[in-house]
Amino acid sequence: MMLGALSGYNNNSIAEGMVFRRTGIGAFVETAQVVEVIEDRMGIPHVRFNLQVSRGAVKPTVECRTLALETFSARYKKSIQTV
């Protein structure tokens, strides 16, 4: 499912399978792969994604998270892979 333009939160559509990357200070890197984009009971779109956090040579951690589409779009602006 693709949301974005219809929701008013984001001009760029975010779809299942898309991968986004956010870098921080030093070797800190977050990679988010979109699992699904769904609306809650109030009609607010949310992104469920697998997040891999890498910090230099330390083994990366992976977890599943959910953010409102607006928050996800603000945090993960750089798409590295599209569907």
PDB file of N, CA and C in Angstrom:
ATOM      1  N   MET A   1       0.847  -1.178   0.000  1.00  0.00           N
ATOM      2  CA  MET A   1       0.000   0.000   0.000  1.00  0.00           C
ATOM      3  C   MET A   1       0.889   1.237   0.000  1.00  0.00           C
ATOM      4  N   MET A   2       0.510   2.245  -0.767  1.00  0.00           N
ATOM      5  CA  MET A   2       1.278   3.487  -0.806  1.00  0.00           C
ATOM      6  C   MET A   2       0.433   4.608  -0.235  1.00  0.00           C
ATOM      7  N   LEU A   3       1.022   5.342   0.671  1.00  0.00           N
ATOM      8  CA  LEU A   3       0.387   6.527   1.214  1.00  0.00           C
ATOM      9  C   LEU A   3       1.355   7.680   1.033  1.00  0.00           C
ATOM     10  N   GLY A   4       0.890   8.850   1.197  1.00  0.00           N
ATOM     11  CA  GLY A   4       1.782   9.996   1.079  1.00  0.00           C
ATOM     12  C   GLY A   4       1.017  11.178   0.567  1.00  0.00           C
ATOM     13  N   ALA A   5       0.858  11.240  -0.738  1.00  0.00           N
ATOM     14  CA  ALA A   5       0.173  12.375  -1.339  1.00  0.00           C
ATOM     15  C   ALA A   5      -1.254  12.490  -0.822  1.00  0.00           C
ATOM     16  N   LEU A   6      -1.915  11.365  -0.614  1.00  0.00           N
ATOM     17  CA  LEU A   6      -3.288  11.388  -0.129  1.00  0.00           C
ATOM     18  C   LEU A   6      -3.376  11.828   1.329  1.00  0.00           C
ATOM     19  N   SER A   7      -2.364  11.506   2.119  1.00  0.00           N
ATOM     20  CA  SER A   7      -2.419  11.804   3.545  1.00  0.00           C
ATOM     21  C   SER A   7      -2.099  13.252   3.865  1.00  0.00           C
ATOM     22  N   GLY A   8      -1.379  13.930   2.972  1.00  0.00           N
ATOM     23  CA  GLY A   8      -1.001  15.302   3.236  1.00  0.00           C
ATOM     24  C   GLY A   8       0.257  15.421   4.081  1.00  0.00           C
ATOM     25  N   TYR A   9       0.828  14.294   4.523  1.00  0.00           N
ATOM     26  CA  TYR A   9       2.018  14.324   5.362  1.00  0.00           C
ATOM     27  C   TYR A   9       3.307  14.380   4.559  1.00  0.00           C
ATOM     28  N   ASN A  10       3.300  13.877   3.348  1.00  0.00           N
ATOM     29  CA  ASN A  10       4.551  13.722   2.615  1.00  0.00           C
ATOM     30  C   ASN A  10       4.278  13.801   1.121  1.00  0.00           C
ATOM     31  N   ASN A  11       5.093  14.551   0.420  1.00  0.00           N
ATOM     32  CA  ASN A  11       4.945  14.651  -1.026  1.00  0.00           C
ATOM     33  C   ASN A  11       5.505  13.429  -1.732  1.00  0.00           C
ATOM     34  N   ASN A  12       6.469  12.771  -1.134  1.00  0.00           N
ATOM     35  CA  ASN A  12       7.070  11.574  -1.720  1.00  0.00           C
ATOM     36  C   ASN A  12       6.386  10.355  -1.141  1.00  0.00           C
ATOM     37  N   SER A  13       5.923   9.454  -1.991  1.00  0.00           N
ATOM     38  CA  SER A  13       5.260   8.250  -1.517  1.00  0.00           C
ATOM     39  C   SER A  13       6.263   7.331  -0.848  1.00  0.00           C
ATOM     40  N   ILE A  14       5.810   6.667   0.177  1.00  0.00           N
ATOM     41  CA  ILE A  14       6.613   5.670   0.877  1.00  0.00           C
ATOM     42  C   ILE A  14       5.871   4.361   0.711  1.00  0.00           C
ATOM     43  N   ALA A  15       6.581   3.336   0.228  1.00  0.00           N
ATOM     44  CA  ALA A  15       5.939   2.060  -0.068  1.00  0.00           C
ATOM     45  C   ALA A  15       6.695   0.913   0.574  1.00  0.00           C
ATOM     46  N   GLU A  16       6.010  -0.206   0.713  1.00  0.00           N
ATOM     47  CA  GLU A  16       6.617  -1.421   1.241  1.00  0.00           C
ATOM     48  C   GLU A  16       7.867  -1.764   0.446  1.00  0.00           C
ATOM     49  N   GLY A  17       8.917  -2.164   1.154  1.00  0.00           N
ATOM     50  CA  GLY A  17      10.151  -2.574   0.508  1.00  0.00           C
ATOM     51  C   GLY A  17      11.165  -1.462   0.306  1.00  0.00           C
ATOM     52  N   MET A  18      10.741  -0.214   0.415  1.00  0.00           N
ATOM     53  CA  MET A  18      11.692   0.895   0.258  1.00  0.00           C
ATOM     54  C   MET A  18      12.679   0.896   1.416  1.00  0.00           C
ATOM     55  N   VAL A  19      13.908   1.334   1.147  1.00  0.00           N
ATOM     56  CA  VAL A  19      14.965   1.369   2.156  1.00  0.00           C
ATOM     57  C   VAL A  19      15.470   2.796   2.281  1.00  0.00           C
ATOM     58  N   PHE A  20      15.605   3.252   3.520  1.00  0.00           N
ATOM     59  CA  PHE A  20      16.067   4.606   3.813  1.00  0.00           C
ATOM     60  C   PHE A  20      17.269   4.528   4.740  1.00  0.00           C
ATOM     61  N   ARG A  21      18.153   5.516   4.629  1.00  0.00           N
ATOM     62  CA  ARG A  21      19.342   5.545   5.481  1.00  0.00           C
ATOM     63  C   ARG A  21      19.494   6.911   6.110  1.00  0.00           C
ATOM     64  N   ARG A  22      19.911   6.894   7.376  1.00  0.00           N
ATOM     65  CA  ARG A  22      20.189   8.124   8.117  1.00  0.00           C
ATOM     66  C   ARG A  22      21.526   7.942   8.814  1.00  0.00           C
ATOM     67  N   THR A  23      22.426   8.895   8.625  1.00  0.00           N
ATOM     68  CA  THR A  23      23.731   8.812   9.259  1.00  0.00           C
ATOM     69  C   THR A  23      23.831   9.833  10.386  1.00  0.00           C
ATOM     70  N   GLY A  24      24.631   9.486  11.358  1.00  0.00           N
ATOM     71  CA  GLY A  24      24.846  10.365  12.494  1.00  0.00           C
ATOM     72  C   GLY A  24      26.320  10.677  12.636  1.00  0.00           C
ATOM     73  N   ILE A  25      26.698  11.089  13.803  1.00  0.00           N
ATOM     74  CA  ILE A  25      28.088  11.440  14.077  1.00  0.00           C
ATOM     75  C   ILE A  25      28.940  10.177  14.099  1.00  0.00           C
ATOM     76  N   GLY A  26      30.109  10.258  13.493  1.00  0.00           N
ATOM     77  CA  GLY A  26      31.011   9.114  13.466  1.00  0.00           C
ATOM     78  C   GLY A  26      30.508   8.032  12.538  1.00  0.00           C
ATOM     79  N   ALA A  27      30.528   6.801  13.029  1.00  0.00           N
ATOM     80  CA  ALA A  27      30.143   5.645  12.216  1.00  0.00           C
ATOM     81  C   ALA A  27      28.707   5.200  12.496  1.00  0.00           C
ATOM     82  N   PHE A  28      27.885   6.079  13.037  1.00  0.00           N
ATOM     83  CA  PHE A  28      26.494   5.756  13.385  1.00  0.00           C
ATOM     84  C   PHE A  28      25.628   5.796  12.121  1.00  0.00           C
ATOM     85  N   VAL A  29      24.984   4.666  11.802  1.00  0.00           N
ATOM     86  CA  VAL A  29      24.129   4.580  10.612  1.00  0.00           C
ATOM     87  C   VAL A  29      22.852   3.821  10.967  1.00  0.00           C
ATOM     88  N   GLU A  30      21.706   4.394  10.588  1.00  0.00           N
ATOM     89  CA  GLU A  30      20.414   3.723  10.720  1.00  0.00           C
ATOM     90  C   GLU A  30      19.912   3.392   9.321  1.00  0.00           C
ATOM     91  N   THR A  31      19.514   2.144   9.121  1.00  0.00           N
ATOM     92  CA  THR A  31      18.937   1.722   7.849  1.00  0.00           C
ATOM     93  C   THR A  31      17.538   1.189   8.131  1.00  0.00           C
ATOM     94  N   ALA A  32      16.537   1.786   7.495  1.00  0.00           N
ATOM     95  CA  ALA A  32      15.142   1.427   7.727  1.00  0.00           C
ATOM     96  C   ALA A  32      14.530   0.844   6.459  1.00  0.00           C
ATOM     97  N   GLN A  33      14.017  -0.388   6.552  1.00  0.00           N
ATOM     98  CA  GLN A  33      13.319  -1.012   5.426  1.00  0.00           C
ATOM     99  C   GLN A  33      11.838  -1.077   5.768  1.00  0.00           C
ATOM    100  N   VAL A  34      11.027  -0.470   4.915  1.00  0.00           N
ATOM    101  CA  VAL A  34       9.591  -0.370   5.148  1.00  0.00           C
ATOM    102  C   VAL A  34       8.938  -1.746   4.990  1.00  0.00           C
ATOM    103  N   VAL A  35       8.208  -2.153   6.032  1.00  0.00           N
ATOM    104  CA  VAL A  35       7.474  -3.414   6.011  1.00  0.00           C
ATOM    105  C   VAL A  35       6.057  -3.172   5.499  1.00  0.00           C
ATOM    106  N   GLU A  36       5.408  -2.126   6.041  1.00  0.00           N
ATOM    107  CA  GLU A  36       4.067  -1.773   5.583  1.00  0.00           C
ATOM    108  C   GLU A  36       3.735  -0.346   5.987  1.00  0.00           C
ATOM    109  N   VAL A  37       2.807   0.232   5.259  1.00  0.00           N
ATOM    110  CA  VAL A  37       2.273   1.562   5.576  1.00  0.00           C
ATOM    111  C   VAL A  37       0.773   1.360   5.780  1.00  0.00           C
ATOM    112  N   ILE A  38       0.318   1.668   6.994  1.00  0.00           N
ATOM    113  CA  ILE A  38      -1.081   1.427   7.355  1.00  0.00           C
ATOM    114  C   ILE A  38      -1.648   2.637   8.089  1.00  0.00           C
ATOM    115  N   GLU A  39      -2.957   2.718   8.125  1.00  0.00           N
ATOM    116  CA  GLU A  39      -3.626   3.767   8.887  1.00  0.00           C
ATOM    117  C   GLU A  39      -4.154   3.169  10.177  1.00  0.00           C
ATOM    118  N   ASP A  40      -4.069   3.938  11.262  1.00  0.00           N
ATOM    119  CA  ASP A  40      -4.638   3.476  12.527  1.00  0.00           C
ATOM    120  C   ASP A  40      -6.144   3.738  12.528  1.00  0.00           C
ATOM    121  N   ARG A  41      -6.800   3.482  13.634  1.00  0.00           N
ATOM    122  CA  ARG A  41      -8.251   3.637  13.725  1.00  0.00           C
ATOM    123  C   ARG A  41      -8.716   5.073  13.537  1.00  0.00           C
ATOM    124  N   MET A  42      -7.818   6.013  13.786  1.00  0.00           N
ATOM    125  CA  MET A  42      -8.141   7.438  13.629  1.00  0.00           C
ATOM    126  C   MET A  42      -7.826   7.939  12.217  1.00  0.00           C
ATOM    127  N   GLY A  43      -7.316   7.061  11.363  1.00  0.00           N
ATOM    128  CA  GLY A  43      -6.992   7.432   9.996  1.00  0.00           C
ATOM    129  C   GLY A  43      -5.601   8.035   9.832  1.00  0.00           C
ATOM    130  N   ILE A  44      -4.771   7.953  10.879  1.00  0.00           N
ATOM    131  CA  ILE A  44      -3.412   8.497  10.814  1.00  0.00           C
ATOM    132  C   ILE A  44      -2.488   7.437  10.226  1.00  0.00           C
ATOM    133  N   PRO A  45      -1.790   7.765   9.132  1.00  0.00           N
ATOM    134  CA  PRO A  45      -0.903   6.776   8.510  1.00  0.00           C
ATOM    135  C   PRO A  45       0.357   6.546   9.347  1.00  0.00           C
ATOM    136  N   HIS A  46       0.743   5.270   9.443  1.00  0.00           N
ATOM    137  CA  HIS A  46       1.936   4.864  10.173  1.00  0.00           C
ATOM    138  C   HIS A  46       2.803   3.974   9.281  1.00  0.00           C
ATOM    139  N   VAL A  47       4.097   4.015   9.532  1.00  0.00           N
ATOM    140  CA  VAL A  47       5.049   3.182   8.807  1.00  0.00           C
ATOM    141  C   VAL A  47       5.606   2.159   9.790  1.00  0.00           C
ATOM    142  N   ARG A  48       5.468   0.888   9.457  1.00  0.00           N
ATOM    143  CA  ARG A  48       6.120  -0.173  10.229  1.00  0.00           C
ATOM    144  C   ARG A  48       7.364  -0.567   9.452  1.00  0.00           C
ATOM    145  N   PHE A  49       8.507  -0.615  10.143  1.00  0.00           N
ATOM    146  CA  PHE A  49       9.769  -0.840   9.440  1.00  0.00           C
ATOM    147  C   PHE A  49      10.749  -1.620  10.297  1.00  0.00           C
ATOM    148  N   ASN A  50      11.666  -2.301   9.612  1.00  0.00           N
ATOM    149  CA  ASN A  50      12.779  -2.970  10.283  1.00  0.00           C
ATOM    150  C   ASN A  50      13.929  -1.985  10.318  1.00  0.00           C
ATOM    151  N   LEU A  51      14.480  -1.764  11.499  1.00  0.00           N
ATOM    152  CA  LEU A  51      15.548  -0.796  11.688  1.00  0.00           C
ATOM    153  C   LEU A  51      16.829  -1.515  12.069  1.00  0.00           C
ATOM    154  N   GLN A  52      17.881  -1.259  11.283  1.00  0.00           N
ATOM    155  CA  GLN A  52      19.209  -1.777  11.598  1.00  0.00           C
ATOM    156  C   GLN A  52      20.067  -0.594  12.017  1.00  0.00           C
ATOM    157  N   VAL A  53      20.642  -0.672  13.208  1.00  0.00           N
ATOM    158  CA  VAL A  53      21.492   0.394  13.722  1.00  0.00           C
ATOM    159  C   VAL A  53      22.915  -0.128  13.789  1.00  0.00           C
ATOM    160  N   SER A  54      23.827   0.559  13.087  1.00  0.00           N
ATOM    161  CA  SER A  54      25.242   0.187  13.069  1.00  0.00           C
ATOM    162  C   SER A  54      26.057   1.285  13.729  1.00  0.00           C
ATOM    163  N   ARG A  55      26.989   0.853  14.564  1.00  0.00           N
ATOM    164  CA  ARG A  55      27.892   1.790  15.232  1.00  0.00           C
ATOM    165  C   ARG A  55      29.314   1.282  15.069  1.00  0.00           C
ATOM    166  N   GLY A  56      29.968   1.645  13.972  1.00  0.00           N
ATOM    167  CA  GLY A  56      31.347   1.229  13.741  1.00  0.00           C
ATOM    168  C   GLY A  56      31.472  -0.270  13.597  1.00  0.00           C
ATOM    169  N   ALA A  57      32.434  -0.854  14.332  1.00  0.00           N
ATOM    170  CA  ALA A  57      32.737  -2.281  14.221  1.00  0.00           C
ATOM    171  C   ALA A  57      31.827  -3.148  15.092  1.00  0.00           C
ATOM    172  N   VAL A  58      30.976  -2.523  15.900  1.00  0.00           N
ATOM    173  CA  VAL A  58      30.068  -3.278  16.769  1.00  0.00           C
ATOM    174  C   VAL A  58      28.985  -3.942  15.915  1.00  0.00           C
ATOM    175  N   LYS A  59      28.624  -5.172  16.296  1.00  0.00           N
ATOM    176  CA  LYS A  59      27.582  -5.896  15.554  1.00  0.00           C
ATOM    177  C   LYS A  59      26.296  -5.066  15.514  1.00  0.00           C
ATOM    178  N   PRO A  60      25.702  -4.896  14.316  1.00  0.00           N
ATOM    179  CA  PRO A  60      24.479  -4.085  14.208  1.00  0.00           C
ATOM    180  C   PRO A  60      23.299  -4.719  14.945  1.00  0.00           C
ATOM    181  N   THR A  61      22.416  -3.872  15.434  1.00  0.00           N
ATOM    182  CA  THR A  61      21.181  -4.352  16.054  1.00  0.00           C
ATOM    183  C   THR A  61      20.036  -4.161  15.059  1.00  0.00           C
ATOM    184  N   VAL A  62      19.077  -5.071  15.111  1.00  0.00           N
ATOM    185  CA  VAL A  62      17.920  -5.005  14.217  1.00  0.00           C
ATOM    186  C   VAL A  62      16.663  -5.153  15.062  1.00  0.00           C
ATOM    187  N   GLU A  63      15.691  -4.285  14.811  1.00  0.00           N
ATOM    188  CA  GLU A  63      14.415  -4.366  15.519  1.00  0.00           C
ATOM    189  C   GLU A  63      13.308  -3.816  14.641  1.00  0.00           C
ATOM    190  N   CYS A  64      12.083  -4.174  14.973  1.00  0.00           N
ATOM    191  CA  CYS A  64      10.919  -3.677  14.237  1.00  0.00           C
ATOM    192  C   CYS A  64      10.349  -2.486  15.000  1.00  0.00           C
ATOM    193  N   ARG A  65      10.055  -1.405  14.268  1.00  0.00           N
ATOM    194  CA  ARG A  65       9.501  -0.202  14.885  1.00  0.00           C
ATOM    195  C   ARG A  65       8.336   0.323  14.058  1.00  0.00           C
ATOM    196  N   THR A  66       7.557   1.211  14.676  1.00  0.00           N
ATOM    197  CA  THR A  66       6.454   1.881  13.996  1.00  0.00           C
ATOM    198  C   THR A  66       6.509   3.358  14.337  1.00  0.00           C
ATOM    199  N   LEU A  67       6.390   4.196  13.309  1.00  0.00           N
ATOM    200  CA  LEU A  67       6.329   5.646  13.482  1.00  0.00           C
ATOM    201  C   LEU A  67       5.188   6.192  12.635  1.00  0.00           C
ATOM    202  N   ALA A  68       4.630   7.311  13.058  1.00  0.00           N
ATOM    203  CA  ALA A  68       3.667   8.008  12.208  1.00  0.00           C
ATOM    204  C   ALA A  68       4.385   8.387  10.910  1.00  0.00           C
ATOM    205  N   LEU A  69       3.672   8.365   9.809  1.00  0.00           N
ATOM    206  CA  LEU A  69       4.256   8.673   8.504  1.00  0.00           C
ATOM    207  C   LEU A  69       4.964  10.022   8.510  1.00  0.00           C
ATOM    208  N   GLU A  70       4.363  11.005   9.141  1.00  0.00           N
ATOM    209  CA  GLU A  70       4.956  12.344   9.198  1.00  0.00           C
ATOM    210  C   GLU A  70       6.317  12.306   9.901  1.00  0.00           C
ATOM    211  N   THR A  71       6.406  11.604  11.007  1.00  0.00           N
ATOM    212  CA  THR A  71       7.651  11.492  11.763  1.00  0.00           C
ATOM    213  C   THR A  71       8.689  10.694  10.989  1.00  0.00           C
ATOM    214  N   PHE A  72       8.262   9.579  10.385  1.00  0.00           N
ATOM    215  CA  PHE A  72       9.170   8.762   9.594  1.00  0.00           C
ATOM    216  C   PHE A  72       9.766   9.581   8.450  1.00  0.00           C
ATOM    217  N   SER A  73       8.926  10.330   7.744  1.00  0.00           N
ATOM    218  CA  SER A  73       9.387  11.138   6.607  1.00  0.00           C
ATOM    219  C   SER A  73      10.381  12.210   7.043  1.00  0.00           C
ATOM    220  N   ALA A  74      10.177  12.778   8.218  1.00  0.00           N
ATOM    221  CA  ALA A  74      11.096  13.804   8.723  1.00  0.00           C
ATOM    222  C   ALA A  74      12.434  13.199   9.124  1.00  0.00           C
ATOM    223  N   ARG A  75      12.417  11.988   9.654  1.00  0.00           N
ATOM    224  CA  ARG A  75      13.641  11.352  10.143  1.00  0.00           C
ATOM    225  C   ARG A  75      14.433  10.686   9.025  1.00  0.00           C
ATOM    226  N   TYR A  76      13.756   9.988   8.132  1.00  0.00           N
ATOM    227  CA  TYR A  76      14.423   9.221   7.070  1.00  0.00           C
ATOM    228  C   TYR A  76      14.137   9.859   5.720  1.00  0.00           C
ATOM    229  N   LYS A  77      14.978  10.786   5.331  1.00  0.00           N
ATOM    230  CA  LYS A  77      14.774  11.565   4.104  1.00  0.00           C
ATOM    231  C   LYS A  77      15.488  10.973   2.900  1.00  0.00           C
ATOM    232  N   LYS A  78      16.533  10.195   3.126  1.00  0.00           N
ATOM    233  CA  LYS A  78      17.354   9.696   2.035  1.00  0.00           C
ATOM    234  C   LYS A  78      16.998   8.247   1.699  1.00  0.00           C
ATOM    235  N   SER A  79      16.309   8.063   0.583  1.00  0.00           N
ATOM    236  CA  SER A  79      15.951   6.723   0.115  1.00  0.00           C
ATOM    237  C   SER A  79      17.152   6.154  -0.638  1.00  0.00           C
ATOM    238  N   ILE A  80      17.563   4.944  -0.282  1.00  0.00           N
ATOM    239  CA  ILE A  80      18.695   4.327  -0.978  1.00  0.00           C
ATOM    240  C   ILE A  80      18.243   3.221  -1.911  1.00  0.00           C
ATOM    241  N   GLN A  81      16.998   2.807  -1.767  1.00  0.00           N
ATOM    242  CA  GLN A  81      16.463   1.747  -2.626  1.00  0.00           C
ATOM    243  C   GLN A  81      14.961   1.942  -2.731  1.00  0.00           C
ATOM    244  N   THR A  82      14.456   1.888  -3.938  1.00  0.00           N
ATOM    245  CA  THR A  82      13.017   2.006  -4.133  1.00  0.00           C
ATOM    246  C   THR A  82      12.484   0.691  -4.673  1.00  0.00           C
ATOM    247  N   VAL A  83      11.183   0.554  -4.623  1.00  0.00           N
ATOM    248  CA  VAL A  83      10.533  -0.675  -5.073  1.00  0.00           C
ATOM    249  C   VAL A  83      10.402  -0.666  -6.569  1.00  0.00           C
TER     250      VAL A  83
END
